[in-house]
Amino acid sequence: MRRAACIIFGAHQQLLPCVILDMSDGGARLSFANPLTTLPHNVTLVLFKDRSVQRDCEVVWVDRTQLGVKFASGWYGALRSQSPAPVTRAKSGT
């Protein structure tokens, strides 16, 4: 899987572009263009720039340009009261 996404964190909620390399029901491995310096323990994974599909995450590990996260919430919309359509995965081998 290679899917463009972003993470947000901190008070300013700025988008930091990344690529989702792997994703499971429990977490994801993300890749960034530049080495990561300091990140908080909690970040939000954002699938679309309009922030319509998000998921809260806990940082599990960091290795220069990659980040491992554990999902801490289900998928939700830009406003927590919005519940987005389910994210579907394509079946492989068909």
Foldseek 3Di string as FASTA:
>chain_A
DWAWWWKFDDDVRDTAIWIFPDDDPWWTKIFHPFFDDDDDQKIKIARDPVQQWIFIWGWDDGDGGMTITTTPGHIGGPDNVGRDDDDDDDDPPD
